[in-house]
Amino acid sequence: MSDERPPEDVEATCPRCGASIGDHDGSCPSCGLVFLDDDGRLTDETATALFEDSDLDPDTLDLSGNGLYTPRWVRLLVGLAISAPLAPLVAFVAGSIVSFPLWVGSLVFALGWALPAVFLSRLALPSAIVAAGLVVLGSTLVVTPPVIVAGRTLVGSNAETIGAFGPDAWTAQAAFLTVGVVVLVLGAFLYRYVKRKRDAWAEAGTR
């Protein structure tokens, strides 16, 4: 006689907190983790909890059914490439609000490049990184003149002595708004396309 318990006797536990979920209704009664989305696929939170104790990085796995794997270093390189225009833009905004030495400007430049790249590299697919990067860049362009005006007001800067805009940042609003909206729309269109493709892969993978 086998000592192995039948599968139905195995106690199911929450991948996040370890609580029993034998009588669950789609979420953990202890920590509230939702296991499946409306389409019956694992939620991102559940996928992360399942892989957090393994050697696999859940951010690099496309669990929607297509089996793609993108290494983190590749996604980081893509993030650095798409966020490169943000570095001079961030430095320009900061330099138009306050005057600072060259080393501070270099630090602002580096942070304006690296931080968005690290954030974008958390996305699973390079195409999604490019799309999200375009959305971030377009949004930043749109709000650049208002941010400069607000920043000058907040710190009480003498606008006549700093920044390429001079005393009136609003004169460039039309140009920044036009270019920003074009980039923003392009990024939103690409992101929507990537989402449709991923949903299609997920649907094909569940058949």
Protein backbone atom coordinates (compact mmCIF):
# COMPACT_ATOMS: atom_id res chain seq x y z
CA MET A 1 0.00 0.00 0.00
CA SER A 2 1.46 3.33 -1.05
CA ASP A 3 2.09 6.04 1.53
CA GLU A 4 1.76 8.74 -1.11
CA ARG A 5 -1.19 11.05 -0.46
CA PRO A 6 -3.63 11.63 -3.33
CA PRO A 7 -3.34 15.02 -4.97
CA GLU A 8 -6.63 16.20 -3.52
CA ASP A 9 -5.20 15.86 -0.01
CA VAL A 10 -2.29 18.20 -0.71
CA GLU A 11 -2.84 21.48 1.10
CA ALA A 12 -2.69 24.50 -1.17
CA THR A 13 -0.88 27.53 0.25
CA CYS A 14 -0.55 31.15 -0.77
CA PRO A 15 2.72 31.78 -2.68
CA ARG A 16 3.16 35.12 -0.90
CA CYS A 17 2.38 34.47 2.78
CA GLY A 18 2.05 30.67 2.98
CA ALA A 19 -1.49 30.70 4.41
CA SER A 20 -3.87 27.87 3.58
CA ILE A 21 -6.05 28.62 0.54
CA GLY A 22 -7.92 25.34 0.32
CA ASP A 23 -11.29 27.10 0.43
CA HIS A 24 -10.21 30.25 -1.36
CA ASP A 25 -12.44 32.21 -3.72
CA GLY A 26 -9.67 33.47 -5.99
CA SER A 27 -7.68 35.39 -3.41
CA CYS A 28 -5.72 34.69 -0.25
CA PRO A 29 -7.81 35.09 2.92
CA SER A 30 -4.72 36.21 4.83
CA CYS A 31 -2.81 38.72 2.67
CA GLY A 32 -5.45 39.38 0.01
CA LEU A 33 -3.29 38.30 -2.96
CA VAL A 34 -5.46 37.90 -6.08
CA PHE A 35 -4.36 34.80 -7.99
CA LEU A 36 -6.03 35.14 -11.39
CA ASP A 37 -7.15 38.07 -13.53
CA ASP A 38 -10.47 38.34 -15.36
CA ASP A 39 -9.12 36.22 -18.23
CA GLY A 40 -8.04 33.37 -15.96
CA ARG A 41 -4.30 34.12 -16.16
CA LEU A 42 -1.88 34.59 -13.27
CA THR A 43 -1.72 38.16 -12.01
CA ASP A 44 1.68 39.87 -12.01
CA GLU A 45 1.69 39.86 -8.20
CA THR A 46 1.13 36.09 -8.07
CA ALA A 47 3.81 35.43 -10.69
CA THR A 48 6.30 37.49 -8.70
CA ALA A 49 5.44 35.62 -5.49
CA LEU A 50 5.83 32.25 -7.22
CA PHE A 51 9.32 33.01 -8.51
CA GLU A 52 10.74 35.13 -5.69
CA ASP A 53 12.40 32.16 -3.99
CA SER A 54 13.86 30.73 -7.21
CA ASP A 55 16.84 31.65 -9.35
CA LEU A 56 14.53 33.02 -12.05
CA ASP A 57 13.71 36.68 -12.37
CA PRO A 58 9.90 37.00 -12.78
CA ASP A 59 10.37 40.29 -14.58
CA THR A 60 12.16 38.49 -17.40
CA LEU A 61 9.46 35.91 -17.95
CA ASP A 62 6.48 36.52 -20.15
CA LEU A 63 3.90 34.38 -18.37
CA SER A 64 1.14 35.23 -20.84
CA GLY A 65 1.80 32.08 -22.81
CA ASN A 66 4.38 32.90 -25.46
CA GLY A 67 7.39 31.68 -23.47
CA LEU A 68 9.65 34.60 -24.29
CA TYR A 69 12.63 35.35 -22.11
CA THR A 70 14.52 38.64 -22.19
CA PRO A 71 17.62 38.92 -19.97
CA ARG A 72 17.70 41.85 -17.58
CA TRP A 73 20.88 43.28 -19.11
CA VAL A 74 19.26 43.40 -22.55
CA ARG A 75 16.23 45.22 -21.16
CA LEU A 76 18.53 47.63 -19.34
CA LEU A 77 20.39 48.41 -22.57
CA VAL A 78 17.08 49.07 -24.33
CA GLY A 79 16.04 51.29 -21.42
CA LEU A 80 19.28 53.26 -21.64
CA ALA A 81 18.84 53.72 -25.38
CA ILE A 82 15.24 54.98 -25.23
CA SER A 83 15.85 57.19 -22.18
CA ALA A 84 18.97 58.87 -23.62
CA PRO A 85 17.01 61.97 -24.80
CA LEU A 86 15.70 62.44 -21.27
CA ALA A 87 19.18 63.16 -19.87
CA PRO A 88 19.80 66.49 -21.66
CA LEU A 89 16.13 67.42 -21.23
CA VAL A 90 16.26 66.94 -17.46
CA ALA A 91 19.56 68.85 -17.27
CA PHE A 92 18.04 71.63 -19.39
CA VAL A 93 15.01 71.93 -17.11
CA ALA A 94 17.15 72.00 -13.98
CA GLY A 95 19.55 74.53 -15.51
CA SER A 96 16.65 76.76 -16.51
CA ILE A 97 15.43 76.93 -12.91
CA VAL A 98 18.64 77.41 -10.94
CA SER A 99 22.30 78.00 -11.72
CA PHE A 100 24.68 75.25 -10.64
CA PRO A 101 28.31 74.22 -11.25
CA LEU A 102 29.34 71.84 -13.99
CA TRP A 103 29.73 68.83 -11.71
CA VAL A 104 26.16 69.21 -10.47
CA GLY A 105 24.95 69.48 -14.05
CA SER A 106 26.82 66.28 -14.90
CA LEU A 107 25.20 64.51 -11.96
CA VAL A 108 21.74 65.69 -12.99
CA PHE A 109 22.46 64.53 -16.55
CA ALA A 110 23.52 61.06 -15.35
CA LEU A 111 20.51 60.67 -13.04
CA GLY A 112 18.15 61.87 -15.75
CA TRP A 113 19.47 59.09 -17.95
CA ALA A 114 20.00 56.21 -15.51
CA LEU A 115 16.89 56.40 -13.32
CA PRO A 116 14.32 56.23 -16.16
CA ALA A 117 16.34 53.42 -17.77
CA VAL A 118 16.29 51.32 -14.58
CA PHE A 119 12.56 51.95 -14.16
CA LEU A 120 11.76 51.05 -17.78
CA SER A 121 13.91 47.91 -17.68
CA ARG A 122 11.42 46.37 -15.25
CA LEU A 123 9.06 45.81 -18.17
CA ALA A 124 9.23 42.29 -19.60
CA LEU A 125 9.48 43.03 -23.33
CA PRO A 126 11.89 45.38 -25.16
CA SER A 127 9.05 46.63 -27.35
CA ALA A 128 7.11 47.61 -24.24
CA ILE A 129 10.19 49.42 -22.92
CA VAL A 130 10.46 51.46 -26.13
CA ALA A 131 6.75 52.30 -26.07
CA ALA A 132 6.77 53.33 -22.41
CA GLY A 133 9.96 55.33 -22.96
CA LEU A 134 8.31 57.30 -25.75
CA VAL A 135 5.32 58.01 -23.50
CA VAL A 136 7.62 59.27 -20.73
CA LEU A 137 9.63 61.41 -23.17
CA GLY A 138 6.53 62.91 -24.77
CA SER A 139 4.97 63.67 -21.40
CA THR A 140 8.19 65.32 -20.22
CA LEU A 141 8.36 67.52 -23.32
CA VAL A 142 4.76 68.64 -22.87
CA VAL A 143 5.26 69.73 -19.26
CA THR A 144 8.77 71.20 -19.64
CA PRO A 145 7.83 74.93 -19.88
CA PRO A 146 5.23 74.78 -17.06
CA VAL A 147 7.71 72.92 -14.83
CA ILE A 148 10.35 75.57 -15.47
CA VAL A 149 7.93 78.39 -14.68
CA ALA A 150 6.70 76.62 -11.53
CA GLY A 151 10.24 75.83 -10.44
CA ARG A 152 11.40 79.42 -10.89
CA THR A 153 8.42 80.64 -8.90
CA LEU A 154 9.04 78.12 -6.14
CA VAL A 155 12.74 78.92 -5.65
CA GLY A 156 12.47 82.60 -6.53
CA SER A 157 15.03 82.46 -9.34
CA ASN A 158 16.04 85.50 -11.40
CA ALA A 159 14.82 84.29 -14.78
CA GLU A 160 16.72 87.00 -16.67
CA THR A 161 20.11 85.56 -15.71
CA ILE A 162 19.62 81.81 -16.07
CA GLY A 163 18.31 79.29 -18.57
CA ALA A 164 18.05 79.28 -22.32
CA PHE A 165 14.44 80.43 -22.15
CA GLY A 166 15.32 83.76 -20.58
CA PRO A 167 12.61 85.48 -18.55
CA ASP A 168 9.67 83.99 -20.46
CA ALA A 169 9.52 80.20 -20.68
CA TRP A 170 6.01 80.30 -22.08
CA THR A 171 7.27 81.47 -25.49
CA ALA A 172 8.51 77.93 -26.19
CA GLN A 173 5.33 76.21 -24.98
CA ALA A 174 3.87 75.74 -28.47
CA ALA A 175 6.99 74.01 -29.82
CA PHE A 176 7.42 71.77 -26.78
CA LEU A 177 3.70 70.97 -26.76
CA THR A 178 3.64 70.05 -30.46
CA VAL A 179 6.70 67.80 -30.37
CA GLY A 180 5.68 66.29 -27.03
CA VAL A 181 2.18 65.40 -28.20
CA VAL A 182 3.54 63.73 -31.35
CA VAL A 183 6.00 61.60 -29.33
CA LEU A 184 3.33 60.85 -26.70
CA VAL A 185 0.79 59.68 -29.28
CA LEU A 186 3.42 57.54 -31.01
CA GLY A 187 4.37 55.91 -27.72
CA ALA A 188 0.75 55.31 -26.73
CA PHE A 189 0.00 53.75 -30.13
CA LEU A 190 3.04 51.47 -29.89
CA TYR A 191 2.21 50.48 -26.31
CA ARG A 192 -1.35 49.60 -27.32
CA TYR A 193 -0.02 47.52 -30.21
CA VAL A 194 2.37 45.65 -27.90
CA LYS A 195 -0.45 44.97 -25.44
CA ARG A 196 -2.68 43.57 -28.21
CA LYS A 197 0.11 41.30 -29.42
CA ARG A 198 0.80 40.06 -25.90
CA ASP A 199 -2.89 39.38 -25.29
CA ALA A 200 -3.03 37.47 -28.58
CA TRP A 201 -0.06 35.34 -27.54
CA ALA A 202 -1.69 34.71 -24.18
CA GLU A 203 -4.94 33.63 -25.78
CA ALA A 204 -3.10 31.32 -28.18
CA GLY A 205 -1.13 29.83 -25.31
CA THR A 206 -4.27 28.92 -23.35
CA ARG A 207 -5.86 26.98 -26.20
